[in-house]
């Protein structure tokens, strides 16, 4: 395969997941939700993305409770931040450019 220039979004995602250690900290199905959110924001950090639960369910093929749990996990890690706080509304999330993940003994 010929060498090609890697898009900035791919380098950023690789940095977040591998170099900063977040892949090891994202539990369960949350990685699927995170990747859909990163794709929705064009792979650009510090971006906002608006997705409904129905859209997330269709893209990931996960159940609503699993999506909600995954979003909670991602928020807990600081990878996404909910910027819409009304129940029943389509939510907007801010996809952050997180710092290096702190080391934890519980992994």
PDB file of N, CA and C in Angstrom:
ATOM      1  N   UNK A   1       0.860  -1.175   0.000  1.00  0.00           N
ATOM      2  CA  UNK A   1       0.000   0.000   0.000  1.00  0.00           C
ATOM      3  C   UNK A   1       0.904   1.236   0.000  1.00  0.00           C
ATOM      4  N   UNK A   2       0.629   2.197  -0.871  1.00  0.00           N
ATOM      5  CA  UNK A   2       1.473   3.390  -0.933  1.00  0.00           C
ATOM      6  C   UNK A   2       1.296   4.263   0.301  1.00  0.00           C
ATOM      7  N   UNK A   3       2.358   4.922   0.661  1.00  0.00           N
ATOM      8  CA  UNK A   3       2.296   5.826   1.816  1.00  0.00           C
ATOM      9  C   UNK A   3       1.459   7.043   1.452  1.00  0.00           C
ATOM     10  N   UNK A   4       0.528   7.380   2.321  1.00  0.00           N
ATOM     11  CA  UNK A   4      -0.307   8.558   2.095  1.00  0.00           C
ATOM     12  C   UNK A   4      -0.303   9.394   3.350  1.00  0.00           C
ATOM     13  N   UNK A   5      -0.678  10.640   3.206  1.00  0.00           N
ATOM     14  CA  UNK A   5      -0.745  11.531   4.353  1.00  0.00           C
ATOM     15  C   UNK A   5      -1.979  11.175   5.182  1.00  0.00           C
ATOM     16  N   UNK A   6      -1.812  11.025   6.478  1.00  0.00           N
ATOM     17  CA  UNK A   6      -2.916  10.700   7.369  1.00  0.00           C
ATOM     18  C   UNK A   6      -3.665  11.968   7.734  1.00  0.00           C
ATOM     19  N   UNK A   7      -5.017  11.941   7.629  1.00  0.00           N
ATOM     20  CA  UNK A   7      -5.791  13.119   8.013  1.00  0.00           C
ATOM     21  C   UNK A   7      -5.574  13.482   9.481  1.00  0.00           C
ATOM     22  N   UNK A   8      -5.680  14.769   9.784  1.00  0.00           N
ATOM     23  CA  UNK A   8      -5.486  15.253  11.148  1.00  0.00           C
ATOM     24  C   UNK A   8      -6.426  14.545  12.116  1.00  0.00           C
ATOM     25  N   UNK A   9      -7.706  14.332  11.727  1.00  0.00           N
ATOM     26  CA  UNK A   9      -8.678  13.675  12.591  1.00  0.00           C
ATOM     27  C   UNK A   9      -8.235  12.294  13.015  1.00  0.00           C
ATOM     28  N   UNK A  10      -7.624  11.551  12.097  1.00  0.00           N
ATOM     29  CA  UNK A  10      -7.152  10.211  12.408  1.00  0.00           C
ATOM     30  C   UNK A  10      -5.990  10.269  13.395  1.00  0.00           C
ATOM     31  N   UNK A  11      -5.074  11.207  13.184  1.00  0.00           N
ATOM     32  CA  UNK A  11      -3.951  11.369  14.111  1.00  0.00           C
ATOM     33  C   UNK A  11      -4.463  11.739  15.498  1.00  0.00           C
ATOM     34  N   UNK A  12      -5.441  12.637  15.561  1.00  0.00           N
ATOM     35  CA  UNK A  12      -5.999  13.054  16.848  1.00  0.00           C
ATOM     36  C   UNK A  12      -6.657  11.872  17.550  1.00  0.00           C
ATOM     37  N   UNK A  13      -7.485  11.113  16.833  1.00  0.00           N
ATOM     38  CA  UNK A  13      -8.172   9.978  17.439  1.00  0.00           C
ATOM     39  C   UNK A  13      -7.170   8.929  17.914  1.00  0.00           C
ATOM     40  N   UNK A  14      -6.158   8.660  17.118  1.00  0.00           N
ATOM     41  CA  UNK A  14      -5.109   7.716  17.511  1.00  0.00           C
ATOM     42  C   UNK A  14      -4.423   8.199  18.791  1.00  0.00           C
ATOM     43  N   UNK A  15      -4.144   9.487  18.860  1.00  0.00           N
ATOM     44  CA  UNK A  15      -3.520  10.057  20.048  1.00  0.00           C
ATOM     45  C   UNK A  15      -4.404   9.877  21.279  1.00  0.00           C
ATOM     46  N   UNK A  16      -5.690  10.192  21.140  1.00  0.00           N
ATOM     47  CA  UNK A  16      -6.613  10.084  22.282  1.00  0.00           C
ATOM     48  C   UNK A  16      -6.713   8.636  22.751  1.00  0.00           C
ATOM     49  N   UNK A  17      -6.944   7.721  21.819  1.00  0.00           N
ATOM     50  CA  UNK A  17      -7.183   6.331  22.201  1.00  0.00           C
ATOM     51  C   UNK A  17      -5.935   5.598  22.663  1.00  0.00           C
ATOM     52  N   UNK A  18      -4.830   5.801  21.980  1.00  0.00           N
ATOM     53  CA  UNK A  18      -3.641   5.010  22.284  1.00  0.00           C
ATOM     54  C   UNK A  18      -2.590   5.757  23.093  1.00  0.00           C
ATOM     55  N   UNK A  19      -2.164   6.930  22.630  1.00  0.00           N
ATOM     56  CA  UNK A  19      -1.097   7.650  23.313  1.00  0.00           C
ATOM     57  C   UNK A  19      -1.556   8.230  24.648  1.00  0.00           C
ATOM     58  N   UNK A  20      -2.799   8.699  24.704  1.00  0.00           N
ATOM     59  CA  UNK A  20      -3.310   9.272  25.951  1.00  0.00           C
ATOM     60  C   UNK A  20      -3.983   8.227  26.840  1.00  0.00           C
ATOM     61  N   UNK A  21      -4.161   7.021  26.342  1.00  0.00           N
ATOM     62  CA  UNK A  21      -4.620   5.905  27.168  1.00  0.00           C
ATOM     63  C   UNK A  21      -6.119   5.756  27.367  1.00  0.00           C
ATOM     64  N   UNK A  22      -6.937   6.393  26.539  1.00  0.00           N
ATOM     65  CA  UNK A  22      -8.386   6.308  26.766  1.00  0.00           C
ATOM     66  C   UNK A  22      -9.003   5.003  26.286  1.00  0.00           C
ATOM     67  N   UNK A  23      -8.404   4.327  25.316  1.00  0.00           N
ATOM     68  CA  UNK A  23      -8.976   3.067  24.845  1.00  0.00           C
ATOM     69  C   UNK A  23      -9.095   2.063  25.989  1.00  0.00           C
ATOM     70  N   UNK A  24      -8.090   2.015  26.836  1.00  0.00           N
ATOM     71  CA  UNK A  24      -8.109   1.093  27.973  1.00  0.00           C
ATOM     72  C   UNK A  24      -9.141   1.493  29.026  1.00  0.00           C
ATOM     73  N   UNK A  25      -9.563   2.751  29.018  1.00  0.00           N
ATOM     74  CA  UNK A  25     -10.503   3.239  30.027  1.00  0.00           C
ATOM     75  C   UNK A  25     -11.950   3.232  29.564  1.00  0.00           C
ATOM     76  N   UNK A  26     -12.176   3.130  28.255  1.00  0.00           N
ATOM     77  CA  UNK A  26     -13.550   3.097  27.729  1.00  0.00           C
ATOM     78  C   UNK A  26     -14.060   1.667  27.861  1.00  0.00           C
ATOM     79  N   UNK A  27     -15.067   1.484  28.686  1.00  0.00           N
ATOM     80  CA  UNK A  27     -15.581   0.146  28.984  1.00  0.00           C
ATOM     81  C   UNK A  27     -16.793  -0.201  28.135  1.00  0.00           C
ATOM     82  N   UNK A  28     -16.939  -1.493  27.864  1.00  0.00           N
ATOM     83  CA  UNK A  28     -18.131  -2.009  27.197  1.00  0.00           C
ATOM     84  C   UNK A  28     -18.352  -1.431  25.808  1.00  0.00           C
ATOM     85  N   UNK A  29     -19.613  -1.160  25.530  1.00  0.00           N
ATOM     86  CA  UNK A  29     -20.033  -0.697  24.211  1.00  0.00           C
ATOM     87  C   UNK A  29     -19.800   0.798  23.995  1.00  0.00           C
ATOM     88  N   UNK A  30     -19.288   1.486  25.004  1.00  0.00           N
ATOM     89  CA  UNK A  30     -19.098   2.936  24.905  1.00  0.00           C
ATOM     90  C   UNK A  30     -18.161   3.317  23.765  1.00  0.00           C
ATOM     91  N   UNK A  31     -17.251   2.423  23.371  1.00  0.00           N
ATOM     92  CA  UNK A  31     -16.336   2.740  22.272  1.00  0.00           C
ATOM     93  C   UNK A  31     -17.120   2.953  20.980  1.00  0.00           C
ATOM     94  N   UNK A  32     -18.181   2.164  20.778  1.00  0.00           N
ATOM     95  CA  UNK A  32     -18.997   2.323  19.573  1.00  0.00           C
ATOM     96  C   UNK A  32     -19.665   3.697  19.557  1.00  0.00           C
ATOM     97  N   UNK A  33     -20.205   4.086  20.683  1.00  0.00           N
ATOM     98  CA  UNK A  33     -20.876   5.381  20.788  1.00  0.00           C
ATOM     99  C   UNK A  33     -19.862   6.499  20.566  1.00  0.00           C
ATOM    100  N   UNK A  34     -18.694   6.381  21.162  1.00  0.00           N
ATOM    101  CA  UNK A  34     -17.667   7.403  21.010  1.00  0.00           C
ATOM    102  C   UNK A  34     -17.240   7.545  19.549  1.00  0.00           C
ATOM    103  N   UNK A  35     -17.036   6.430  18.871  1.00  0.00           N
ATOM    104  CA  UNK A  35     -16.608   6.488  17.477  1.00  0.00           C
ATOM    105  C   UNK A  35     -17.672   7.119  16.580  1.00  0.00           C
ATOM    106  N   UNK A  36     -18.949   6.850  16.853  1.00  0.00           N
ATOM    107  CA  UNK A  36     -20.025   7.484  16.088  1.00  0.00           C
ATOM    108  C   UNK A  36     -20.012   8.988  16.331  1.00  0.00           C
ATOM    109  N   UNK A  37     -19.784   9.388  17.573  1.00  0.00           N
ATOM    110  CA  UNK A  37     -19.763  10.817  17.891  1.00  0.00           C
ATOM    111  C   UNK A  37     -18.562  11.505  17.235  1.00  0.00           C
ATOM    112  N   UNK A  38     -17.416  10.842  17.236  1.00  0.00           N
ATOM    113  CA  UNK A  38     -16.224  11.403  16.596  1.00  0.00           C
ATOM    114  C   UNK A  38     -16.460  11.530  15.091  1.00  0.00           C
ATOM    115  N   UNK A  39     -17.074  10.517  14.494  1.00  0.00           N
ATOM    116  CA  UNK A  39     -17.378  10.588  13.064  1.00  0.00           C
ATOM    117  C   UNK A  39     -18.356  11.729  12.773  1.00  0.00           C
ATOM    118  N   UNK A  40     -19.372  11.881  13.624  1.00  0.00           N
ATOM    119  CA  UNK A  40     -20.386  12.916  13.420  1.00  0.00           C
ATOM    120  C   UNK A  40     -19.794  14.323  13.485  1.00  0.00           C
ATOM    121  N   UNK A  41     -18.716  14.495  14.251  1.00  0.00           N
ATOM    122  CA  UNK A  41     -18.099  15.820  14.331  1.00  0.00           C
ATOM    123  C   UNK A  41     -16.939  15.950  13.345  1.00  0.00           C
ATOM    124  N   UNK A  42     -16.839  15.004  12.431  1.00  0.00           N
ATOM    125  CA  UNK A  42     -15.813  15.089  11.395  1.00  0.00           C
ATOM    126  C   UNK A  42     -14.420  14.786  11.886  1.00  0.00           C
ATOM    127  N   UNK A  43     -14.309  14.144  13.046  1.00  0.00           N
ATOM    128  CA  UNK A  43     -12.996  13.815  13.587  1.00  0.00           C
ATOM    129  C   UNK A  43     -12.228  15.017  14.080  1.00  0.00           C
ATOM    130  N   UNK A  44     -12.949  16.100  14.336  1.00  0.00           N
ATOM    131  CA  UNK A  44     -12.314  17.332  14.784  1.00  0.00           C
ATOM    132  C   UNK A  44     -12.554  17.530  16.279  1.00  0.00           C
ATOM    133  N   UNK A  45     -11.500  17.636  17.087  1.00  0.00           N
ATOM    134  CA  UNK A  45     -11.695  17.855  18.521  1.00  0.00           C
ATOM    135  C   UNK A  45     -12.278  19.230  18.792  1.00  0.00           C
ATOM    136  N   UNK A  46     -12.806  19.371  19.987  1.00  0.00           N
ATOM    137  CA  UNK A  46     -13.413  20.627  20.425  1.00  0.00           C
ATOM    138  C   UNK A  46     -14.551  21.037  19.488  1.00  0.00           C
ATOM    139  N   UNK A  47     -15.392  20.057  19.152  1.00  0.00           N
ATOM    140  CA  UNK A  47     -16.527  20.283  18.264  1.00  0.00           C
ATOM    141  C   UNK A  47     -17.817  19.871  18.953  1.00  0.00           C
ATOM    142  N   UNK A  48     -18.919  20.453  18.501  1.00  0.00           N
ATOM    143  CA  UNK A  48     -20.229  20.058  18.998  1.00  0.00           C
ATOM    144  C   UNK A  48     -20.922  19.207  17.957  1.00  0.00           C
ATOM    145  N   UNK A  49     -21.687  18.237  18.433  1.00  0.00           N
ATOM    146  CA  UNK A  49     -22.426  17.353  17.553  1.00  0.00           C
ATOM    147  C   UNK A  49     -23.811  17.133  18.158  1.00  0.00           C
ATOM    148  N   UNK A  50     -24.839  17.151  17.309  1.00  0.00           N
ATOM    149  CA  UNK A  50     -26.201  16.945  17.770  1.00  0.00           C
ATOM    150  C   UNK A  50     -26.704  15.626  17.214  1.00  0.00           C
ATOM    151  N   UNK A  51     -27.015  14.701  18.123  1.00  0.00           N
ATOM    152  CA  UNK A  51     -27.508  13.381  17.752  1.00  0.00           C
ATOM    153  C   UNK A  51     -28.635  12.985  18.691  1.00  0.00           C
ATOM    154  N   UNK A  52     -29.638  12.328  18.140  1.00  0.00           N
ATOM    155  CA  UNK A  52     -30.711  11.800  18.980  1.00  0.00           C
ATOM    156  C   UNK A  52     -30.348  10.385  19.414  1.00  0.00           C
ATOM    157  N   UNK A  53     -31.026   9.912  20.448  1.00  0.00           N
ATOM    158  CA  UNK A  53     -30.820   8.528  20.879  1.00  0.00           C
ATOM    159  C   UNK A  53     -31.158   7.580  19.731  1.00  0.00           C
ATOM    160  N   UNK A  54     -32.197   7.897  19.003  1.00  0.00           N
ATOM    161  CA  UNK A  54     -32.614   7.052  17.870  1.00  0.00           C
ATOM    162  C   UNK A  54     -31.485   6.963  16.824  1.00  0.00           C
ATOM    163  N   UNK A  55     -30.837   8.087  16.545  1.00  0.00           N
ATOM    164  CA  UNK A  55     -29.726   8.079  15.587  1.00  0.00           C
ATOM    165  C   UNK A  55     -28.566   7.246  16.115  1.00  0.00           C
ATOM    166  N   UNK A  56     -28.250   7.410  17.392  1.00  0.00           N
ATOM    167  CA  UNK A  56     -27.167   6.620  17.990  1.00  0.00           C
ATOM    168  C   UNK A  56     -27.510   5.135  17.984  1.00  0.00           C
ATOM    169  N   UNK A  57     -28.763   4.809  18.276  1.00  0.00           N
ATOM    170  CA  UNK A  57     -29.198   3.410  18.275  1.00  0.00           C
ATOM    171  C   UNK A  57     -29.074   2.814  16.869  1.00  0.00           C
ATOM    172  N   UNK A  58     -29.468   3.561  15.853  1.00  0.00           N
ATOM    173  CA  UNK A  58     -29.401   3.072  14.478  1.00  0.00           C
ATOM    174  C   UNK A  58     -27.957   2.865  14.032  1.00  0.00           C
ATOM    175  N   UNK A  59     -27.077   3.782  14.398  1.00  0.00           N
ATOM    176  CA  UNK A  59     -25.676   3.705  13.954  1.00  0.00           C
ATOM    177  C   UNK A  59     -24.891   2.616  14.684  1.00  0.00           C
ATOM    178  N   UNK A  60     -25.209   2.396  15.967  1.00  0.00           N
ATOM    179  CA  UNK A  60     -24.434   1.434  16.758  1.00  0.00           C
ATOM    180  C   UNK A  60     -25.127   0.082  16.906  1.00  0.00           C
ATOM    181  N   UNK A  61     -26.437   0.062  16.655  1.00  0.00           N
ATOM    182  CA  UNK A  61     -27.273  -1.128  16.869  1.00  0.00           C
ATOM    183  C   UNK A  61     -27.270  -1.567  18.331  1.00  0.00           C
ATOM    184  N   UNK A  62     -27.205  -0.580  19.205  1.00  0.00           N
ATOM    185  CA  UNK A  62     -27.260  -0.827  20.646  1.00  0.00           C
ATOM    186  C   UNK A  62     -28.626  -0.402  21.159  1.00  0.00           C
ATOM    187  N   UNK A  63     -29.007  -0.910  22.335  1.00  0.00           N
ATOM    188  CA  UNK A  63     -30.287  -0.546  22.947  1.00  0.00           C
ATOM    189  C   UNK A  63     -30.205   0.847  23.560  1.00  0.00           C
ATOM    190  N   UNK A  64     -31.359   1.441  23.787  1.00  0.00           N
ATOM    191  CA  UNK A  64     -31.417   2.771  24.391  1.00  0.00           C
ATOM    192  C   UNK A  64     -30.715   2.809  25.754  1.00  0.00           C
ATOM    193  N   UNK A  65     -30.998   1.843  26.667  1.00  0.00           N
ATOM    194  CA  UNK A  65     -30.293   1.879  27.956  1.00  0.00           C
ATOM    195  C   UNK A  65     -28.771   1.765  27.811  1.00  0.00           C
ATOM    196  N   UNK A  66     -28.317   0.973  26.848  1.00  0.00           N
ATOM    197  CA  UNK A  66     -26.876   0.823  26.623  1.00  0.00           C
ATOM    198  C   UNK A  66     -26.273   2.130  26.122  1.00  0.00           C
ATOM    199  N   UNK A  67     -26.981   2.829  25.230  1.00  0.00           N
ATOM    200  CA  UNK A  67     -26.514   4.124  24.727  1.00  0.00           C
ATOM    201  C   UNK A  67     -26.413   5.120  25.878  1.00  0.00           C
ATOM    202  N   UNK A  68     -27.456   5.185  26.707  1.00  0.00           N
ATOM    203  CA  UNK A  68     -27.473   6.120  27.833  1.00  0.00           C
ATOM    204  C   UNK A  68     -26.326   5.815  28.794  1.00  0.00           C
ATOM    205  N   UNK A  69     -26.107   4.534  29.104  1.00  0.00           N
ATOM    206  CA  UNK A  69     -25.002   4.137  29.977  1.00  0.00           C
ATOM    207  C   UNK A  69     -23.659   4.502  29.345  1.00  0.00           C
ATOM    208  N   UNK A  70     -23.529   4.266  28.054  1.00  0.00           N
ATOM    209  CA  UNK A  70     -22.280   4.577  27.349  1.00  0.00           C
ATOM    210  C   UNK A  70     -21.993   6.076  27.359  1.00  0.00           C
ATOM    211  N   UNK A  71     -23.019   6.887  27.113  1.00  0.00           N
ATOM    212  CA  UNK A  71     -22.841   8.342  27.150  1.00  0.00           C
ATOM    213  C   UNK A  71     -22.421   8.801  28.541  1.00  0.00           C
ATOM    214  N   UNK A  72     -23.011   8.190  29.564  1.00  0.00           N
ATOM    215  CA  UNK A  72     -22.637   8.524  30.934  1.00  0.00           C
ATOM    216  C   UNK A  72     -21.169   8.190  31.195  1.00  0.00           C
ATOM    217  N   UNK A  73     -20.731   7.043  30.714  1.00  0.00           N
ATOM    218  CA  UNK A  73     -19.326   6.641  30.873  1.00  0.00           C
ATOM    219  C   UNK A  73     -18.396   7.611  30.148  1.00  0.00           C
ATOM    220  N   UNK A  74     -18.771   7.978  28.924  1.00  0.00           N
ATOM    221  CA  UNK A  74     -17.948   8.899  28.142  1.00  0.00           C
ATOM    222  C   UNK A  74     -17.881  10.271  28.797  1.00  0.00           C
ATOM    223  N   UNK A  75     -18.998  10.713  29.366  1.00  0.00           N
ATOM    224  CA  UNK A  75     -19.004  11.990  30.089  1.00  0.00           C
ATOM    225  C   UNK A  75     -18.116  11.904  31.322  1.00  0.00           C
ATOM    226  N   UNK A  76     -18.173  10.768  32.023  1.00  0.00           N
ATOM    227  CA  UNK A  76     -17.345  10.569  33.210  1.00  0.00           C
ATOM    228  C   UNK A  76     -15.856  10.622  32.896  1.00  0.00           C
ATOM    229  N   UNK A  77     -15.488  10.195  31.695  1.00  0.00           N
ATOM    230  CA  UNK A  77     -14.087  10.236  31.265  1.00  0.00           C
ATOM    231  C   UNK A  77     -13.691  11.601  30.708  1.00  0.00           C
ATOM    232  N   UNK A  78     -14.685  12.457  30.486  1.00  0.00           N
ATOM    233  CA  UNK A  78     -14.396  13.769  29.926  1.00  0.00           C
ATOM    234  C   UNK A  78     -14.227  13.768  28.420  1.00  0.00           C
ATOM    235  N   UNK A  79     -14.654  12.685  27.761  1.00  0.00           N
ATOM    236  CA  UNK A  79     -14.518  12.605  26.307  1.00  0.00           C
ATOM    237  C   UNK A  79     -15.634  13.354  25.595  1.00  0.00           C
ATOM    238  N   UNK A  80     -16.813  13.367  26.201  1.00  0.00           N
ATOM    239  CA  UNK A  80     -17.934  14.146  25.672  1.00  0.00           C
ATOM    240  C   UNK A  80     -18.597  14.878  26.830  1.00  0.00           C
ATOM    241  N   UNK A  81     -19.214  16.005  26.515  1.00  0.00           N
ATOM    242  CA  UNK A  81     -19.919  16.798  27.521  1.00  0.00           C
ATOM    243  C   UNK A  81     -21.285  17.131  26.949  1.00  0.00           C
ATOM    244  N   UNK A  82     -22.348  16.801  27.686  1.00  0.00           N
ATOM    245  CA  UNK A  82     -23.692  17.151  27.249  1.00  0.00           C
ATOM    246  C   UNK A  82     -23.886  18.649  27.417  1.00  0.00           C
ATOM    247  N   UNK A  83     -24.327  19.303  26.350  1.00  0.00           N
ATOM    248  CA  UNK A  83     -24.575  20.739  26.431  1.00  0.00           C
ATOM    249  C   UNK A  83     -26.069  21.045  26.377  1.00  0.00           C
ATOM    250  N   UNK A  84     -26.899  20.004  26.272  1.00  0.00           N
ATOM    251  CA  UNK A  84     -28.353  20.146  26.281  1.00  0.00           C
ATOM    252  C   UNK A  84     -28.864  19.440  27.525  1.00  0.00           C
ATOM    253  N   UNK A  85     -29.637  20.125  28.336  1.00  0.00           N
ATOM    254  CA  UNK A  85     -30.058  19.545  29.609  1.00  0.00           C
ATOM    255  C   UNK A  85     -31.575  19.461  29.754  1.00  0.00           C
ATOM    256  N   UNK A  86     -32.289  19.257  28.649  1.00  0.00           N
ATOM    257  CA  UNK A  86     -33.735  19.118  28.706  1.00  0.00           C
ATOM    258  C   UNK A  86     -34.105  17.682  28.372  1.00  0.00           C
ATOM    259  N   UNK A  87     -34.928  17.062  29.215  1.00  0.00           N
ATOM    260  CA  UNK A  87     -35.361  15.694  28.963  1.00  0.00           C
ATOM    261  C   UNK A  87     -36.190  15.639  27.693  1.00  0.00           C
ATOM    262  N   UNK A  88     -36.003  14.557  26.945  1.00  0.00           N
ATOM    263  CA  UNK A  88     -36.801  14.338  25.758  1.00  0.00           C
ATOM    264  C   UNK A  88     -36.377  15.132  24.542  1.00  0.00           C
ATOM    265  N   UNK A  89     -35.315  15.903  24.665  1.00  0.00           N
ATOM    266  CA  UNK A  89     -34.839  16.709  23.542  1.00  0.00           C
ATOM    267  C   UNK A  89     -33.646  16.012  22.894  1.00  0.00           C
ATOM    268  N   UNK A  90     -33.446  16.300  21.606  1.00  0.00           N
ATOM    269  CA  UNK A  90     -32.237  15.816  20.953  1.00  0.00           C
ATOM    270  C   UNK A  90     -31.073  16.507  21.633  1.00  0.00           C
ATOM    271  N   UNK A  91     -30.078  15.746  21.981  1.00  0.00           N
ATOM    272  CA  UNK A  91     -28.976  16.317  22.749  1.00  0.00           C
ATOM    273  C   UNK A  91     -27.822  16.757  21.868  1.00  0.00           C
ATOM    274  N   UNK A  92     -27.187  17.811  22.296  1.00  0.00           N
ATOM    275  CA  UNK A  92     -25.960  18.266  21.666  1.00  0.00           C
ATOM    276  C   UNK A  92     -24.827  17.933  22.628  1.00  0.00           C
ATOM    277  N   UNK A  93     -23.784  17.363  22.093  1.00  0.00           N
ATOM    278  CA  UNK A  93     -22.615  16.995  22.878  1.00  0.00           C
ATOM    279  C   UNK A  93     -21.396  17.711  22.338  1.00  0.00           C
ATOM    280  N   UNK A  94     -20.524  18.067  23.237  1.00  0.00           N
ATOM    281  CA  UNK A  94     -19.251  18.676  22.901  1.00  0.00           C
ATOM    282  C   UNK A  94     -18.219  17.559  22.969  1.00  0.00           C
ATOM    283  N   UNK A  95     -17.535  17.299  21.868  1.00  0.00           N
ATOM    284  CA  UNK A  95     -16.495  16.272  21.826  1.00  0.00           C
ATOM    285  C   UNK A  95     -15.182  16.968  22.154  1.00  0.00           C
ATOM    286  N   UNK A  96     -14.656  16.670  23.341  1.00  0.00           N
ATOM    287  CA  UNK A  96     -13.485  17.396  23.823  1.00  0.00           C
ATOM    288  C   UNK A  96     -12.174  16.803  23.335  1.00  0.00           C
ATOM    289  N   UNK A  97     -11.129  17.555  23.522  1.00  0.00           N
ATOM    290  CA  UNK A  97      -9.759  17.098  23.271  1.00  0.00           C
ATOM    291  C   UNK A  97      -9.158  16.851  24.653  1.00  0.00           C
ATOM    292  N   UNK A  98      -9.328  15.628  25.185  1.00  0.00           N
ATOM    293  CA  UNK A  98      -8.958  15.361  26.569  1.00  0.00           C
ATOM    294  C   UNK A  98      -7.441  15.316  26.795  1.00  0.00           C
ATOM    295  N   UNK A  99      -7.044  15.554  28.030  1.00  0.00           N
ATOM    296  CA  UNK A  99      -5.621  15.438  28.376  1.00  0.00           C
ATOM    297  C   UNK A  99      -5.227  13.968  28.464  1.00  0.00           C
ATOM    298  N   UNK A 100      -3.986  13.709  28.700  1.00  0.00           N
ATOM    299  CA  UNK A 100      -3.518  12.329  28.902  1.00  0.00           C
ATOM    300  C   UNK A 100      -4.308  11.738  30.061  1.00  0.00           C
ATOM    301  N   UNK A 101      -4.816  10.526  29.888  1.00  0.00           N
ATOM    302  CA  UNK A 101      -5.608   9.869  30.927  1.00  0.00           C
ATOM    303  C   UNK A 101      -4.743   9.591  32.149  1.00  0.00           C
ATOM    304  N   UNK A 102      -5.262   9.884  33.322  1.00  0.00           N
ATOM    305  CA  UNK A 102      -4.494   9.577  34.536  1.00  0.00           C
ATOM    306  C   UNK A 102      -4.388   8.080  34.718  1.00  0.00           C
ATOM    307  N   UNK A 103      -3.293   7.635  35.239  1.00  0.00           N
ATOM    308  CA  UNK A 103      -3.126   6.207  35.501  1.00  0.00           C
ATOM    309  C   UNK A 103      -3.974   5.824  36.699  1.00  0.00           C
ATOM    310  N   UNK A 104      -4.596   4.622  36.608  1.00  0.00           N
ATOM    311  CA  UNK A 104      -5.365   4.146  37.755  1.00  0.00           C
ATOM    312  C   UNK A 104      -4.982   2.712  38.052  1.00  0.00           C
ATOM    313  N   UNK A 105      -5.071   2.342  39.288  1.00  0.00           N
ATOM    314  CA  UNK A 105      -4.718   0.997  39.708  1.00  0.00           C
ATOM    315  C   UNK A 105      -5.800  -0.009  39.319  1.00  0.00           C
ATOM    316  N   UNK A 106      -7.017   0.487  39.048  1.00  0.00           N
ATOM    317  CA  UNK A 106      -8.121  -0.434  38.767  1.00  0.00           C
ATOM    318  C   UNK A 106      -8.290  -0.737  37.299  1.00  0.00           C
ATOM    319  N   UNK A 107      -7.686   0.014  36.373  1.00  0.00           N
ATOM    320  CA  UNK A 107      -7.709  -0.221  34.941  1.00  0.00           C
ATOM    321  C   UNK A 107      -9.005  -0.494  34.419  1.00  0.00           C
TER     322      UNK A 107
END
